[in-house]
mmCIF file of all heavy atoms, coordinates in Angstrom:
data_MODEL
# 
_entry.id   MODEL 
# 
loop_
_atom_site.group_PDB 
_atom_site.id 
_atom_site.type_symbol 
_atom_site.label_atom_id 
_atom_site.label_alt_id 
_atom_site.label_comp_id 
_atom_site.label_asym_id 
_atom_site.label_entity_id 
_atom_site.label_seq_id 
_atom_site.pdbx_PDB_ins_code 
_atom_site.Cartn_x 
_atom_site.Cartn_y 
_atom_site.Cartn_z 
_atom_site.occupancy 
_atom_site.B_iso_or_equiv 
_atom_site.pdbx_formal_charge 
_atom_site.auth_seq_id 
_atom_site.auth_comp_id 
_atom_site.auth_asym_id 
_atom_site.auth_atom_id 
_atom_site.pdbx_PDB_model_num 
ATOM 1   N N   . ARG A 1 1  ? -16.448 -10.806 -16.554 1.00 0.00 ? 1  ARG A N   1 
ATOM 2   C CA  . ARG A 1 1  ? -15.407 -9.977  -15.974 1.00 0.00 ? 1  ARG A CA  1 
ATOM 3   C C   . ARG A 1 1  ? -14.056 -10.286 -16.633 1.00 0.00 ? 1  ARG A C   1 
ATOM 4   O O   . ARG A 1 1  ? -13.013 -9.921  -16.137 1.00 0.00 ? 1  ARG A O   1 
ATOM 5   C CB  . ARG A 1 1  ? -15.256 -10.231 -14.478 1.00 0.00 ? 1  ARG A CB  1 
ATOM 6   C CG  . ARG A 1 1  ? -16.510 -10.043 -13.664 1.00 0.00 ? 1  ARG A CG  1 
ATOM 7   C CD  . ARG A 1 1  ? -16.670 -8.582  -13.246 1.00 0.00 ? 1  ARG A CD  1 
ATOM 8   N NE  . ARG A 1 1  ? -17.660 -8.412  -12.215 1.00 0.00 ? 1  ARG A NE  1 
ATOM 9   C CZ  . ARG A 1 1  ? -18.972 -8.407  -12.422 1.00 0.00 ? 1  ARG A CZ  1 
ATOM 10  N NH1 . ARG A 1 1  ? -19.453 -8.599  -13.612 1.00 0.00 ? 1  ARG A NH1 1 
ATOM 11  N NH2 . ARG A 1 1  ? -19.813 -8.223  -11.429 1.00 0.00 ? 1  ARG A NH2 1 
ATOM 12  N N   . ALA A 1 2  ? -14.078 -10.989 -17.774 1.00 0.00 ? 2  ALA A N   1 
ATOM 13  C CA  . ALA A 1 2  ? -12.846 -11.442 -18.401 1.00 0.00 ? 2  ALA A CA  1 
ATOM 14  C C   . ALA A 1 2  ? -11.992 -10.281 -18.894 1.00 0.00 ? 2  ALA A C   1 
ATOM 15  O O   . ALA A 1 2  ? -10.785 -10.393 -18.970 1.00 0.00 ? 2  ALA A O   1 
ATOM 16  C CB  . ALA A 1 2  ? -13.166 -12.377 -19.558 1.00 0.00 ? 2  ALA A CB  1 
ATOM 17  N N   . HIS A 1 3  ? -12.608 -9.155  -19.232 1.00 0.00 ? 3  HIS A N   1 
ATOM 18  C CA  . HIS A 1 3  ? -11.852 -8.058  -19.808 1.00 0.00 ? 3  HIS A CA  1 
ATOM 19  C C   . HIS A 1 3  ? -11.594 -6.926  -18.822 1.00 0.00 ? 3  HIS A C   1 
ATOM 20  O O   . HIS A 1 3  ? -11.147 -5.873  -19.215 1.00 0.00 ? 3  HIS A O   1 
ATOM 21  C CB  . HIS A 1 3  ? -12.576 -7.517  -21.048 1.00 0.00 ? 3  HIS A CB  1 
ATOM 22  C CG  . HIS A 1 3  ? -12.742 -8.578  -22.097 1.00 0.00 ? 3  HIS A CG  1 
ATOM 23  N ND1 . HIS A 1 3  ? -11.685 -9.123  -22.753 1.00 0.00 ? 3  HIS A ND1 1 
ATOM 24  C CD2 . HIS A 1 3  ? -13.842 -9.211  -22.553 1.00 0.00 ? 3  HIS A CD2 1 
ATOM 25  C CE1 . HIS A 1 3  ? -12.118 -10.043 -23.603 1.00 0.00 ? 3  HIS A CE1 1 
ATOM 26  N NE2 . HIS A 1 3  ? -13.424 -10.115 -23.490 1.00 0.00 ? 3  HIS A NE2 1 
ATOM 27  N N   . THR A 1 4  ? -11.870 -7.152  -17.572 1.00 0.00 ? 4  THR A N   1 
ATOM 28  C CA  . THR A 1 4  ? -11.579 -6.132  -16.572 1.00 0.00 ? 4  THR A CA  1 
ATOM 29  C C   . THR A 1 4  ? -10.416 -6.605  -15.721 1.00 0.00 ? 4  THR A C   1 
ATOM 30  O O   . THR A 1 4  ? -10.174 -7.794  -15.596 1.00 0.00 ? 4  THR A O   1 
ATOM 31  C CB  . THR A 1 4  ? -12.798 -5.861  -15.672 1.00 0.00 ? 4  THR A CB  1 
ATOM 32  O OG1 . THR A 1 4  ? -13.128 -7.064  -14.989 1.00 0.00 ? 4  THR A OG1 1 
ATOM 33  C CG2 . THR A 1 4  ? -13.977 -5.367  -16.479 1.00 0.00 ? 4  THR A CG2 1 
ATOM 34  N N   . THR A 1 5  ? -9.709  -5.686  -15.165 1.00 0.00 ? 5  THR A N   1 
ATOM 35  C CA  . THR A 1 5  ? -8.606  -6.048  -14.283 1.00 0.00 ? 5  THR A CA  1 
ATOM 36  C C   . THR A 1 5  ? -8.876  -5.482  -12.903 1.00 0.00 ? 5  THR A C   1 
ATOM 37  O O   . THR A 1 5  ? -9.484  -4.434  -12.755 1.00 0.00 ? 5  THR A O   1 
ATOM 38  C CB  . THR A 1 5  ? -7.267  -5.479  -14.803 1.00 0.00 ? 5  THR A CB  1 
ATOM 39  O OG1 . THR A 1 5  ? -7.379  -4.060  -14.910 1.00 0.00 ? 5  THR A OG1 1 
ATOM 40  C CG2 . THR A 1 5  ? -6.907  -6.069  -16.152 1.00 0.00 ? 5  THR A CG2 1 
ATOM 41  N N   . ALA A 1 6  ? -8.411  -6.209  -11.934 1.00 0.00 ? 6  ALA A N   1 
ATOM 42  C CA  . ALA A 1 6  ? -8.559  -5.738  -10.561 1.00 0.00 ? 6  ALA A CA  1 
ATOM 43  C C   . ALA A 1 6  ? -7.546  -4.624  -10.342 1.00 0.00 ? 6  ALA A C   1 
ATOM 44  O O   . ALA A 1 6  ? -6.437  -4.662  -10.875 1.00 0.00 ? 6  ALA A O   1 
ATOM 45  C CB  . ALA A 1 6  ? -8.301  -6.879  -9.586  1.00 0.00 ? 6  ALA A CB  1 
ATOM 46  N N   . PRO A 1 7  ? -7.923  -3.623  -9.557  1.00 0.00 ? 7  PRO A N   1 
ATOM 47  C CA  . PRO A 1 7  ? -6.963  -2.552  -9.293  1.00 0.00 ? 7  PRO A CA  1 
ATOM 48  C C   . PRO A 1 7  ? -5.778  -3.110  -8.517  1.00 0.00 ? 7  PRO A C   1 
ATOM 49  O O   . PRO A 1 7  ? -5.931  -3.973  -7.658  1.00 0.00 ? 7  PRO A O   1 
ATOM 50  C CB  . PRO A 1 7  ? -7.752  -1.548  -8.462  1.00 0.00 ? 7  PRO A CB  1 
ATOM 51  C CG  . PRO A 1 7  ? -8.898  -2.311  -7.909  1.00 0.00 ? 7  PRO A CG  1 
ATOM 52  C CD  . PRO A 1 7  ? -9.177  -3.424  -8.875  1.00 0.00 ? 7  PRO A CD  1 
ATOM 53  N N   . ALA A 1 8  ? -4.618  -2.632  -8.825  1.00 0.00 ? 8  ALA A N   1 
ATOM 54  C CA  . ALA A 1 8  ? -3.419  -3.073  -8.117  1.00 0.00 ? 8  ALA A CA  1 
ATOM 55  C C   . ALA A 1 8  ? -3.430  -2.501  -6.704  1.00 0.00 ? 8  ALA A C   1 
ATOM 56  O O   . ALA A 1 8  ? -3.938  -1.404  -6.475  1.00 0.00 ? 8  ALA A O   1 
ATOM 57  C CB  . ALA A 1 8  ? -2.170  -2.594  -8.863  1.00 0.00 ? 8  ALA A CB  1 
ATOM 58  N N   . ALA A 1 9  ? -2.901  -3.256  -5.793  1.00 0.00 ? 9  ALA A N   1 
ATOM 59  C CA  . ALA A 1 9  ? -2.810  -2.762  -4.422  1.00 0.00 ? 9  ALA A CA  1 
ATOM 60  C C   . ALA A 1 9  ? -1.854  -1.571  -4.401  1.00 0.00 ? 9  ALA A C   1 
ATOM 61  O O   . ALA A 1 9  ? -0.784  -1.607  -4.996  1.00 0.00 ? 9  ALA A O   1 
ATOM 62  C CB  . ALA A 1 9  ? -2.298  -3.858  -3.499  1.00 0.00 ? 9  ALA A CB  1 
ATOM 63  N N   . ALA A 1 10 ? -2.274  -0.536  -3.734  1.00 0.00 ? 10 ALA A N   1 
ATOM 64  C CA  . ALA A 1 10 ? -1.457  0.676   -3.667  1.00 0.00 ? 10 ALA A CA  1 
ATOM 65  C C   . ALA A 1 10 ? -0.268  0.429   -2.755  1.00 0.00 ? 10 ALA A C   1 
ATOM 66  O O   . ALA A 1 10 ? -0.428  -0.073  -1.652  1.00 0.00 ? 10 ALA A O   1 
ATOM 67  C CB  . ALA A 1 10 ? -2.280  1.840   -3.144  1.00 0.00 ? 10 ALA A CB  1 
ATOM 68  N N   . PRO A 1 11 ? 0.916   0.749   -3.214  1.00 0.00 ? 11 PRO A N   1 
ATOM 69  C CA  . PRO A 1 11 ? 2.067   0.588   -2.338  1.00 0.00 ? 11 PRO A CA  1 
ATOM 70  C C   . PRO A 1 11 ? 1.986   1.583   -1.190  1.00 0.00 ? 11 PRO A C   1 
ATOM 71  O O   . PRO A 1 11 ? 1.369   2.637   -1.312  1.00 0.00 ? 11 PRO A O   1 
ATOM 72  C CB  . PRO A 1 11 ? 3.258   0.887   -3.252  1.00 0.00 ? 11 PRO A CB  1 
ATOM 73  C CG  . PRO A 1 11 ? 2.705   1.735   -4.347  1.00 0.00 ? 11 PRO A CG  1 
ATOM 74  C CD  . PRO A 1 11 ? 1.262   1.315   -4.503  1.00 0.00 ? 11 PRO A CD  1 
ATOM 75  N N   . SER A 1 12 ? 2.604   1.228   -0.100  1.00 0.00 ? 12 SER A N   1 
ATOM 76  C CA  . SER A 1 12 ? 2.604   2.121   1.048   1.00 0.00 ? 12 SER A CA  1 
ATOM 77  C C   . SER A 1 12 ? 3.379   3.383   0.693   1.00 0.00 ? 12 SER A C   1 
ATOM 78  O O   . SER A 1 12 ? 4.498   3.323   0.214   1.00 0.00 ? 12 SER A O   1 
ATOM 79  C CB  . SER A 1 12 ? 3.249   1.436   2.243   1.00 0.00 ? 12 SER A CB  1 
ATOM 80  O OG  . SER A 1 12 ? 3.350   2.344   3.305   1.00 0.00 ? 12 SER A OG  1 
ATOM 81  N N   . SER A 1 13 ? 2.753   4.516   0.900   1.00 0.00 ? 13 SER A N   1 
ATOM 82  C CA  . SER A 1 13 ? 3.422   5.770   0.596   1.00 0.00 ? 13 SER A CA  1 
ATOM 83  C C   . SER A 1 13 ? 4.115   6.354   1.823   1.00 0.00 ? 13 SER A C   1 
ATOM 84  O O   . SER A 1 13 ? 4.788   7.363   1.730   1.00 0.00 ? 13 SER A O   1 
ATOM 85  C CB  . SER A 1 13 ? 2.418   6.777   0.033   1.00 0.00 ? 13 SER A CB  1 
ATOM 86  O OG  . SER A 1 13 ? 1.410   7.031   0.985   1.00 0.00 ? 13 SER A OG  1 
ATOM 87  N N   . ALA A 1 14 ? 3.933   5.719   2.964   1.00 0.00 ? 14 ALA A N   1 
ATOM 88  C CA  . ALA A 1 14 ? 4.550   6.213   4.192   1.00 0.00 ? 14 ALA A CA  1 
ATOM 89  C C   . ALA A 1 14 ? 6.012   5.765   4.243   1.00 0.00 ? 14 ALA A C   1 
ATOM 90  O O   . ALA A 1 14 ? 6.315   4.607   3.992   1.00 0.00 ? 14 ALA A O   1 
ATOM 91  C CB  . ALA A 1 14 ? 3.805   5.684   5.405   1.00 0.00 ? 14 ALA A CB  1 
ATOM 92  N N   . PRO A 1 15 ? 6.900   6.669   4.575   1.00 0.00 ? 15 PRO A N   1 
ATOM 93  C CA  . PRO A 1 15 ? 8.302   6.286   4.734   1.00 0.00 ? 15 PRO A CA  1 
ATOM 94  C C   . PRO A 1 15 ? 8.444   5.275   5.875   1.00 0.00 ? 15 PRO A C   1 
ATOM 95  O O   . PRO A 1 15 ? 7.650   5.283   6.824   1.00 0.00 ? 15 PRO A O   1 
ATOM 96  C CB  . PRO A 1 15 ? 9.005   7.600   5.088   1.00 0.00 ? 15 PRO A CB  1 
ATOM 97  C CG  . PRO A 1 15 ? 8.047   8.681   4.732   1.00 0.00 ? 15 PRO A CG  1 
ATOM 98  C CD  . PRO A 1 15 ? 6.679   8.091   4.781   1.00 0.00 ? 15 PRO A CD  1 
ATOM 99  N N   . PRO A 1 16 ? 9.451   4.412   5.809   1.00 0.00 ? 16 PRO A N   1 
ATOM 100 C CA  . PRO A 1 16 ? 9.592   3.381   6.839   1.00 0.00 ? 16 PRO A CA  1 
ATOM 101 C C   . PRO A 1 16 ? 9.752   3.944   8.248   1.00 0.00 ? 16 PRO A C   1 
ATOM 102 O O   . PRO A 1 16 ? 9.271   3.345   9.204   1.00 0.00 ? 16 PRO A O   1 
ATOM 103 C CB  . PRO A 1 16 ? 10.835  2.595   6.403   1.00 0.00 ? 16 PRO A CB  1 
ATOM 104 C CG  . PRO A 1 16 ? 11.501  3.402   5.366   1.00 0.00 ? 16 PRO A CG  1 
ATOM 105 C CD  . PRO A 1 16 ? 10.479  4.330   4.789   1.00 0.00 ? 16 PRO A CD  1 
ATOM 106 N N   . GLU A 1 17 ? 10.371  5.115   8.381   1.00 0.00 ? 17 GLU A N   1 
ATOM 107 C CA  . GLU A 1 17 ? 10.515  5.670   9.733   1.00 0.00 ? 17 GLU A CA  1 
ATOM 108 C C   . GLU A 1 17 ? 9.170   6.113   10.300  1.00 0.00 ? 17 GLU A C   1 
ATOM 109 O O   . GLU A 1 17 ? 8.978   6.103   11.517  1.00 0.00 ? 17 GLU A O   1 
ATOM 110 C CB  . GLU A 1 17 ? 11.543  6.801   9.789   1.00 0.00 ? 17 GLU A CB  1 
ATOM 111 C CG  . GLU A 1 17 ? 11.288  7.951   8.873   1.00 0.00 ? 17 GLU A CG  1 
ATOM 112 C CD  . GLU A 1 17 ? 11.905  7.789   7.475   1.00 0.00 ? 17 GLU A CD  1 
ATOM 113 O OE1 . GLU A 1 17 ? 12.348  6.698   7.106   1.00 0.00 ? 17 GLU A OE1 1 
ATOM 114 O OE2 . GLU A 1 17 ? 11.914  8.792   6.752   1.00 0.00 ? 17 GLU A OE2 1 
ATOM 115 N N   . ASP A 1 18 ? 8.216   6.482   9.436   1.00 0.00 ? 18 ASP A N   1 
ATOM 116 C CA  . ASP A 1 18 ? 6.874   6.828   9.915   1.00 0.00 ? 18 ASP A CA  1 
ATOM 117 C C   . ASP A 1 18 ? 6.146   5.582   10.413  1.00 0.00 ? 18 ASP A C   1 
ATOM 118 O O   . ASP A 1 18 ? 5.476   5.616   11.450  1.00 0.00 ? 18 ASP A O   1 
ATOM 119 C CB  . ASP A 1 18 ? 6.048   7.497   8.816   1.00 0.00 ? 18 ASP A CB  1 
ATOM 120 C CG  . ASP A 1 18 ? 6.530   8.898   8.475   1.00 0.00 ? 18 ASP A CG  1 
ATOM 121 O OD1 . ASP A 1 18 ? 7.411   9.427   9.197   1.00 0.00 ? 18 ASP A OD1 1 
ATOM 122 O OD2 . ASP A 1 18 ? 6.030   9.460   7.485   1.00 0.00 ? 18 ASP A OD2 1 
ATOM 123 N N   . LEU A 1 19 ? 6.264   4.485   9.660   1.00 0.00 ? 19 LEU A N   1 
ATOM 124 C CA  . LEU A 1 19 ? 5.632   3.237   10.087  1.00 0.00 ? 19 LEU A CA  1 
ATOM 125 C C   . LEU A 1 19 ? 6.255   2.739   11.384  1.00 0.00 ? 19 LEU A C   1 
ATOM 126 O O   . LEU A 1 19 ? 5.540   2.300   12.291  1.00 0.00 ? 19 LEU A O   1 
ATOM 127 C CB  . LEU A 1 19 ? 5.755   2.189   8.985   1.00 0.00 ? 19 LEU A CB  1 
ATOM 128 C CG  . LEU A 1 19 ? 5.087   2.533   7.664   1.00 0.00 ? 19 LEU A CG  1 
ATOM 129 C CD1 . LEU A 1 19 ? 5.397   1.479   6.611   1.00 0.00 ? 19 LEU A CD1 1 
ATOM 130 C CD2 . LEU A 1 19 ? 3.584   2.689   7.839   1.00 0.00 ? 19 LEU A CD2 1 
ATOM 131 N N   . CYS A 1 20 ? 7.569   2.836   11.475  1.00 0.00 ? 20 CYS A N   1 
ATOM 132 C CA  . CYS A 1 20 ? 8.276   2.454   12.699  1.00 0.00 ? 20 CYS A CA  1 
ATOM 133 C C   . CYS A 1 20 ? 7.770   3.285   13.880  1.00 0.00 ? 20 CYS A C   1 
ATOM 134 O O   . CYS A 1 20 ? 7.466   2.746   14.947  1.00 0.00 ? 20 CYS A O   1 
ATOM 135 C CB  . CYS A 1 20 ? 9.773   2.650   12.490  1.00 0.00 ? 20 CYS A CB  1 
ATOM 136 S SG  . CYS A 1 20 ? 10.796  2.453   13.967  1.00 0.00 ? 20 CYS A SG  1 
ATOM 137 N N   . THR A 1 21 ? 7.658   4.586   13.675  1.00 0.00 ? 21 THR A N   1 
ATOM 138 C CA  . THR A 1 21 ? 7.207   5.484   14.741  1.00 0.00 ? 21 THR A CA  1 
ATOM 139 C C   . THR A 1 21 ? 5.818   5.092   15.227  1.00 0.00 ? 21 THR A C   1 
ATOM 140 O O   . THR A 1 21 ? 5.570   5.030   16.435  1.00 0.00 ? 21 THR A O   1 
ATOM 141 C CB  . THR A 1 21 ? 7.201   6.947   14.252  1.00 0.00 ? 21 THR A CB  1 
ATOM 142 O OG1 . THR A 1 21 ? 8.526   7.308   13.878  1.00 0.00 ? 21 THR A OG1 1 
ATOM 143 C CG2 . THR A 1 21 ? 6.685   7.891   15.323  1.00 0.00 ? 21 THR A CG2 1 
ATOM 144 N N   . ARG A 1 22 ? 4.928   4.811   14.302  1.00 0.00 ? 22 ARG A N   1 
ATOM 145 C CA  . ARG A 1 22 ? 3.554   4.453   14.692  1.00 0.00 ? 22 ARG A CA  1 
ATOM 146 C C   . ARG A 1 22 ? 3.508   3.171   15.503  1.00 0.00 ? 22 ARG A C   1 
ATOM 147 O O   . ARG A 1 22 ? 2.840   3.100   16.533  1.00 0.00 ? 22 ARG A O   1 
ATOM 148 C CB  . ARG A 1 22 ? 2.673   4.323   13.448  1.00 0.00 ? 22 ARG A CB  1 
ATOM 149 C CG  . ARG A 1 22 ? 2.326   5.666   12.862  1.00 0.00 ? 22 ARG A CG  1 
ATOM 150 C CD  . ARG A 1 22 ? 1.341   5.678   11.731  1.00 0.00 ? 22 ARG A CD  1 
ATOM 151 N NE  . ARG A 1 22 ? 0.710   4.444   11.360  1.00 0.00 ? 22 ARG A NE  1 
ATOM 152 C CZ  . ARG A 1 22 ? 0.452   4.082   10.113  1.00 0.00 ? 22 ARG A CZ  1 
ATOM 153 N NH1 . ARG A 1 22 ? 0.768   4.865   9.111   1.00 0.00 ? 22 ARG A NH1 1 
ATOM 154 N NH2 . ARG A 1 22 ? -0.157  2.937   9.850   1.00 0.00 ? 22 ARG A NH2 1 
ATOM 155 N N   . VAL A 1 23 ? 4.222   2.154   15.049  1.00 0.00 ? 23 VAL A N   1 
ATOM 156 C CA  . VAL A 1 23 ? 4.154   0.879   15.747  1.00 0.00 ? 23 VAL A CA  1 
ATOM 157 C C   . VAL A 1 23 ? 4.882   0.936   17.092  1.00 0.00 ? 23 VAL A C   1 
ATOM 158 O O   . VAL A 1 23 ? 4.402   0.398   18.098  1.00 0.00 ? 23 VAL A O   1 
ATOM 159 C CB  . VAL A 1 23 ? 4.662   -0.288  14.849  1.00 0.00 ? 23 VAL A CB  1 
ATOM 160 C CG1 . VAL A 1 23 ? 6.152   -0.263  14.650  1.00 0.00 ? 23 VAL A CG1 1 
ATOM 161 C CG2 . VAL A 1 23 ? 4.228   -1.619  15.397  1.00 0.00 ? 23 VAL A CG2 1 
ATOM 162 N N   . VAL A 1 24 ? 6.019   1.624   17.149  1.00 0.00 ? 24 VAL A N   1 
ATOM 163 C CA  . VAL A 1 24 ? 6.748   1.741   18.413  1.00 0.00 ? 24 VAL A CA  1 
ATOM 164 C C   . VAL A 1 24 ? 5.944   2.567   19.416  1.00 0.00 ? 24 VAL A C   1 
ATOM 165 O O   . VAL A 1 24 ? 5.846   2.197   20.593  1.00 0.00 ? 24 VAL A O   1 
ATOM 166 C CB  . VAL A 1 24 ? 8.162   2.338   18.187  1.00 0.00 ? 24 VAL A CB  1 
ATOM 167 C CG1 . VAL A 1 24 ? 8.812   2.738   19.503  1.00 0.00 ? 24 VAL A CG1 1 
ATOM 168 C CG2 . VAL A 1 24 ? 9.041   1.338   17.439  1.00 0.00 ? 24 VAL A CG2 1 
# 
């Protein structure tokens, strides 16, 4: 597996106010 790379973690595409809304 020396020549393969792990996929990068996808950044959150949700705006912060959406995340705030869900948790609140």
